[in-house]
C-alpha atoms as a PDB file:
ATOM      1  CA  UNK A   1      24.132  95.117  13.029  1.00  0.00           C
ATOM      2  CA  UNK A   2      25.191  91.413  13.400  1.00  0.00           C
ATOM      3  CA  UNK A   3      24.970  88.556  10.964  1.00  0.00           C
ATOM      4  CA  UNK A   4      24.942  85.077  12.522  1.00  0.00           C
ATOM      5  CA  UNK A   5      26.863  82.064  11.273  1.00  0.00           C
ATOM      6  CA  UNK A   6      25.206  78.568  11.424  1.00  0.00           C
ATOM      7  CA  UNK A   7      27.655  77.478  14.142  1.00  0.00           C
ATOM      8  CA  UNK A   8      26.226  80.147  16.567  1.00  0.00           C
ATOM      9  CA  UNK A   9      22.884  78.421  16.420  1.00  0.00           C
ATOM     10  CA  UNK A  10      24.135  74.738  16.183  1.00  0.00           C
ATOM     11  CA  UNK A  11      26.848  74.910  18.874  1.00  0.00           C
ATOM     12  CA  UNK A  12      24.790  77.024  21.162  1.00  0.00           C
ATOM     13  CA  UNK A  13      21.915  74.502  21.006  1.00  0.00           C
ATOM     14  CA  UNK A  14      24.208  71.568  21.499  1.00  0.00           C
ATOM     15  CA  UNK A  15      26.310  72.957  24.263  1.00  0.00           C
ATOM     16  CA  UNK A  16      25.999  76.360  25.914  1.00  0.00           C
ATOM     17  CA  UNK A  17      22.432  77.484  25.425  1.00  0.00           C
ATOM     18  CA  UNK A  18      20.252  74.454  24.523  1.00  0.00           C
ATOM     19  CA  UNK A  19      16.717  75.249  23.546  1.00  0.00           C
ATOM     20  CA  UNK A  20      15.538  73.003  26.356  1.00  0.00           C
ATOM     21  CA  UNK A  21      17.476  74.560  29.255  1.00  0.00           C
ATOM     22  CA  UNK A  22      18.397  78.189  28.302  1.00  0.00           C
ATOM     23  CA  UNK A  23      15.314  79.558  26.552  1.00  0.00           C
ATOM     24  CA  UNK A  24      16.318  83.060  27.579  1.00  0.00           C
ATOM     25  CA  UNK A  25      19.142  82.946  24.944  1.00  0.00           C
ATOM     26  CA  UNK A  26      16.709  82.180  22.201  1.00  0.00           C
ATOM     27  CA  UNK A  27      14.228  84.800  23.481  1.00  0.00           C
ATOM     28  CA  UNK A  28      17.112  87.274  23.360  1.00  0.00           C
ATOM     29  CA  UNK A  29      17.795  86.358  19.696  1.00  0.00           C
ATOM     30  CA  UNK A  30      14.080  86.831  18.874  1.00  0.00           C
ATOM     31  CA  UNK A  31      14.026  90.170  20.654  1.00  0.00           C
ATOM     32  CA  UNK A  32      17.210  91.318  19.069  1.00  0.00           C
ATOM     33  CA  UNK A  33      16.022  90.357  15.655  1.00  0.00           C
ATOM     34  CA  UNK A  34      12.822  92.244  16.229  1.00  0.00           C
ATOM     35  CA  UNK A  35      14.856  95.281  17.296  1.00  0.00           C
ATOM     36  CA  UNK A  36      16.877  95.090  14.067  1.00  0.00           C
ATOM     37  CA  UNK A  37      20.074  94.180  15.811  1.00  0.00           C
ATOM     38  CA  UNK A  38      20.726  90.840  14.180  1.00  0.00           C
ATOM     39  CA  UNK A  39      19.724  88.312  11.621  1.00  0.00           C
ATOM     40  CA  UNK A  40      21.082  85.653   9.290  1.00  0.00           C
ATOM     41  CA  UNK A  41      20.858  84.626   5.692  1.00  0.00           C
ATOM     42  CA  UNK A  42      18.844  81.895   4.029  1.00  0.00           C
ATOM     43  CA  UNK A  43      21.763  79.689   3.182  1.00  0.00           C
ATOM     44  CA  UNK A  44      22.509  79.535   6.885  1.00  0.00           C
ATOM     45  CA  UNK A  45      18.851  78.684   7.564  1.00  0.00           C
ATOM     46  CA  UNK A  46      19.162  75.854   5.006  1.00  0.00           C
ATOM     47  CA  UNK A  47      22.241  74.471   6.793  1.00  0.00           C
ATOM     48  CA  UNK A  48      20.177  74.460  10.105  1.00  0.00           C
ATOM     49  CA  UNK A  49      17.140  72.950   8.459  1.00  0.00           C
ATOM     50  CA  UNK A  50      19.302  70.035   7.363  1.00  0.00           C
ATOM     51  CA  UNK A  51      19.712  68.980  10.988  1.00  0.00           C
ATOM     52  CA  UNK A  52      16.107  67.836  11.246  1.00  0.00           C
ATOM     53  CA  UNK A  53      16.068  68.543  14.915  1.00  0.00           C
ATOM     54  CA  UNK A  54      14.526  70.956  17.453  1.00  0.00           C
ATOM     55  CA  UNK A  55      16.769  73.730  16.197  1.00  0.00           C
ATOM     56  CA  UNK A  56      15.512  73.059  12.619  1.00  0.00           C
ATOM     57  CA  UNK A  57      11.946  73.573  13.967  1.00  0.00           C
ATOM     58  CA  UNK A  58      12.969  76.730  15.747  1.00  0.00           C
ATOM     59  CA  UNK A  59      14.518  78.216  12.631  1.00  0.00           C
ATOM     60  CA  UNK A  60      11.667  77.112  10.455  1.00  0.00           C
ATOM     61  CA  UNK A  61       9.267  79.031  12.660  1.00  0.00           C
ATOM     62  CA  UNK A  62      11.351  82.235  12.052  1.00  0.00           C
ATOM     63  CA  UNK A  63      11.441  82.629   8.203  1.00  0.00           C
ATOM     64  CA  UNK A  64      12.141  86.422   8.337  1.00  0.00           C
ATOM     65  CA  UNK A  65      15.098  85.833  10.466  1.00  0.00           C
ATOM     66  CA  UNK A  66      16.945  84.299   7.529  1.00  0.00           C
ATOM     67  CA  UNK A  67      17.011  86.872   4.717  1.00  0.00           C
ATOM     68  CA  UNK A  68      17.700  86.107   0.980  1.00  0.00           C
ATOM     69  CA  UNK A  69      20.868  86.875  -0.744  1.00  0.00           C
ATOM     70  CA  UNK A  70      20.289  90.048  -2.850  1.00  0.00           C
ATOM     71  CA  UNK A  71      21.638  91.706  -5.968  1.00  0.00           C
ATOM     72  CA  UNK A  72      23.846  93.891  -3.821  1.00  0.00           C
ATOM     73  CA  UNK A  73      25.839  90.844  -2.933  1.00  0.00           C
ATOM     74  CA  UNK A  74      26.985  89.972  -6.422  1.00  0.00           C
ATOM     75  CA  UNK A  75      30.350  91.894  -6.454  1.00  0.00           C
ATOM     76  CA  UNK A  76      31.073  90.740  -2.838  1.00  0.00           C
ATOM     77  CA  UNK A  77      30.345  87.072  -3.755  1.00  0.00           C
ATOM     78  CA  UNK A  78      32.860  87.404  -6.611  1.00  0.00           C
ATOM     79  CA  UNK A  79      35.464  89.125  -4.503  1.00  0.00           C
ATOM     80  CA  UNK A  80      35.244  86.523  -1.688  1.00  0.00           C
ATOM     81  CA  UNK A  81      35.403  83.592  -4.206  1.00  0.00           C
ATOM     82  CA  UNK A  82      38.308  85.202  -6.040  1.00  0.00           C
ATOM     83  CA  UNK A  83      40.197  85.670  -2.771  1.00  0.00           C
ATOM     84  CA  UNK A  84      39.630  82.117  -1.658  1.00  0.00           C
ATOM     85  CA  UNK A  85      40.763  80.725  -5.040  1.00  0.00           C
ATOM     86  CA  UNK A  86      43.927  82.904  -5.202  1.00  0.00           C
ATOM     87  CA  UNK A  87      46.252  80.050  -4.124  1.00  0.00           C
ATOM     88  CA  UNK A  88      46.388  80.556  -0.363  1.00  0.00           C
ATOM     89  CA  UNK A  89      44.405  77.411   0.345  1.00  0.00           C
ATOM     90  CA  UNK A  90      44.253  73.906  -0.982  1.00  0.00           C
ATOM     91  CA  UNK A  91      41.805  73.085  -3.759  1.00  0.00           C
ATOM     92  CA  UNK A  92      39.728  71.029  -1.322  1.00  0.00           C
ATOM     93  CA  UNK A  93      39.658  73.917   1.192  1.00  0.00           C
ATOM     94  CA  UNK A  94      38.439  76.262  -1.533  1.00  0.00           C
ATOM     95  CA  UNK A  95      35.856  73.739  -2.815  1.00  0.00           C
ATOM     96  CA  UNK A  96      34.539  73.172   0.784  1.00  0.00           C
ATOM     97  CA  UNK A  97      34.348  76.924   1.556  1.00  0.00           C
ATOM     98  CA  UNK A  98      32.493  77.758  -1.677  1.00  0.00           C
ATOM     99  CA  UNK A  99      30.073  74.792  -1.200  1.00  0.00           C
ATOM    100  CA  UNK A 100      28.650  75.867   2.124  1.00  0.00           C
ATOM    101  CA  UNK A 101      27.059  79.116   3.384  1.00  0.00           C
ATOM    102  CA  UNK A 102      30.322  80.544   4.830  1.00  0.00           C
ATOM    103  CA  UNK A 103      31.421  82.403   1.755  1.00  0.00           C
ATOM    104  CA  UNK A 104      27.871  83.702   1.231  1.00  0.00           C
ATOM    105  CA  UNK A 105      27.772  84.897   4.814  1.00  0.00           C
ATOM    106  CA  UNK A 106      31.081  86.840   4.457  1.00  0.00           C
ATOM    107  CA  UNK A 107      29.926  88.310   1.143  1.00  0.00           C
ATOM    108  CA  UNK A 108      26.556  89.379   2.561  1.00  0.00           C
ATOM    109  CA  UNK A 109      28.254  91.062   5.494  1.00  0.00           C
ATOM    110  CA  UNK A 110      30.738  92.655   3.192  1.00  0.00           C
ATOM    111  CA  UNK A 111      27.932  94.050   0.895  1.00  0.00           C
ATOM    112  CA  UNK A 112      25.829  95.233   3.753  1.00  0.00           C
ATOM    113  CA  UNK A 113      28.616  96.394   6.230  1.00  0.00           C
ATOM    114  CA  UNK A 114      27.552  93.988   8.925  1.00  0.00           C
ATOM    115  CA  UNK A 115      29.549  92.228  11.711  1.00  0.00           C
ATOM    116  CA  UNK A 116      29.729  88.428  11.329  1.00  0.00           C
ATOM    117  CA  UNK A 117      29.185  86.496  14.437  1.00  0.00           C
ATOM    118  CA  UNK A 118      30.861  82.997  14.396  1.00  0.00           C
ATOM    119  CA  UNK A 119      32.270  80.479  16.762  1.00  0.00           C
ATOM    120  CA  UNK A 120      35.279  79.978  14.378  1.00  0.00           C
ATOM    121  CA  UNK A 121      38.760  81.279  15.266  1.00  0.00           C
ATOM    122  CA  UNK A 122      41.181  82.846  12.892  1.00  0.00           C
ATOM    123  CA  UNK A 123      43.945  80.558  11.588  1.00  0.00           C
ATOM    124  CA  UNK A 124      45.615  82.484   8.843  1.00  0.00           C
ATOM    125  CA  UNK A 125      48.419  79.957   8.488  1.00  0.00           C
ATOM    126  CA  UNK A 126      45.988  77.054   7.918  1.00  0.00           C
ATOM    127  CA  UNK A 127      45.804  76.110   4.268  1.00  0.00           C
ATOM    128  CA  UNK A 128      43.466  73.104   4.523  1.00  0.00           C
ATOM    129  CA  UNK A 129      40.310  75.008   5.616  1.00  0.00           C
ATOM    130  CA  UNK A 130      39.150  78.582   4.838  1.00  0.00           C
ATOM    131  CA  UNK A 131      38.030  80.090   8.183  1.00  0.00           C
ATOM    132  CA  UNK A 132      35.291  82.663   8.266  1.00  0.00           C
ATOM    133  CA  UNK A 133      37.248  85.097  10.391  1.00  0.00           C
ATOM    134  CA  UNK A 134      40.186  85.005   7.982  1.00  0.00           C
ATOM    135  CA  UNK A 135      37.772  85.653   5.015  1.00  0.00           C
ATOM    136  CA  UNK A 136      36.293  88.593   6.995  1.00  0.00           C
ATOM    137  CA  UNK A 137      39.726  90.025   7.760  1.00  0.00           C
ATOM    138  CA  UNK A 138      40.773  89.808   4.100  1.00  0.00           C
ATOM    139  CA  UNK A 139      37.649  91.760   3.087  1.00  0.00           C
ATOM    140  CA  UNK A 140      37.586  94.347   5.883  1.00  0.00           C
ATOM    141  CA  UNK A 141      34.527  92.799   7.428  1.00  0.00           C
ATOM    142  CA  UNK A 142      34.166  93.027  11.218  1.00  0.00           C
ATOM    143  CA  UNK A 143      33.703  89.693  13.046  1.00  0.00           C
ATOM    144  CA  UNK A 144      33.217  88.648  16.658  1.00  0.00           C
ATOM    145  CA  UNK A 145      32.261  85.656  18.753  1.00  0.00           C
ATOM    146  CA  UNK A 146      28.789  85.180  20.231  1.00  0.00           C
ATOM    147  CA  UNK A 147      30.119  85.704  23.687  1.00  0.00           C
ATOM    148  CA  UNK A 148      31.657  89.045  22.758  1.00  0.00           C
ATOM    149  CA  UNK A 149      28.399  89.965  21.028  1.00  0.00           C
ATOM    150  CA  UNK A 150      26.312  89.073  24.125  1.00  0.00           C
ATOM    151  CA  UNK A 151      28.657  91.075  26.426  1.00  0.00           C
ATOM    152  CA  UNK A 152      28.777  93.962  24.097  1.00  0.00           C
ATOM    153  CA  UNK A 153      24.960  94.154  23.973  1.00  0.00           C
ATOM    154  CA  UNK A 154      24.592  93.665  27.783  1.00  0.00           C
ATOM    155  CA  UNK A 155      22.701  90.478  27.335  1.00  0.00           C
ATOM    156  CA  UNK A 156      21.774  88.927  30.719  1.00  0.00           C
ATOM    157  CA  UNK A 157      20.048  85.580  31.385  1.00  0.00           C
ATOM    158  CA  UNK A 158      19.029  85.644  34.944  1.00  0.00           C
ATOM    159  CA  UNK A 159      16.857  83.058  36.661  1.00  0.00           C
ATOM    160  CA  UNK A 160      13.623  84.245  38.153  1.00  0.00           C
ATOM    161  CA  UNK A 161      12.900  84.186  41.881  1.00  0.00           C
END
């Protein structure tokens, strides 16, 4: 099962799969959610809602898509925060990571053994920003890109006749 990062929604809408010109991508997300293949967490939904745009409206109409953090995440939240604060990153990087949904996303995936889907790339030597893939790697959480997920799930967006 996949857990989607905010950048999957935001960058897809702004670039590759705009709501206005590739509705099949968004339909695929809805169908995959209904089939139990993917979802996201409420803190990600809140980041999307802050945009105040068509994507915000899309997300608001799918409240079940964005699940709440639960008690099972407590130890994972602590583990991810402790790892981030262990001195590998600058204080500003740690503060930034812990103030957005990224760390909660990794913790939720860790607690529920899910695969994180993100547009971010691993940059283990970078000290000025905590990257989601690096946090995943540090905690044994699988991660992938949206394009790898789509290929792996045999998604196909074909124009009608």
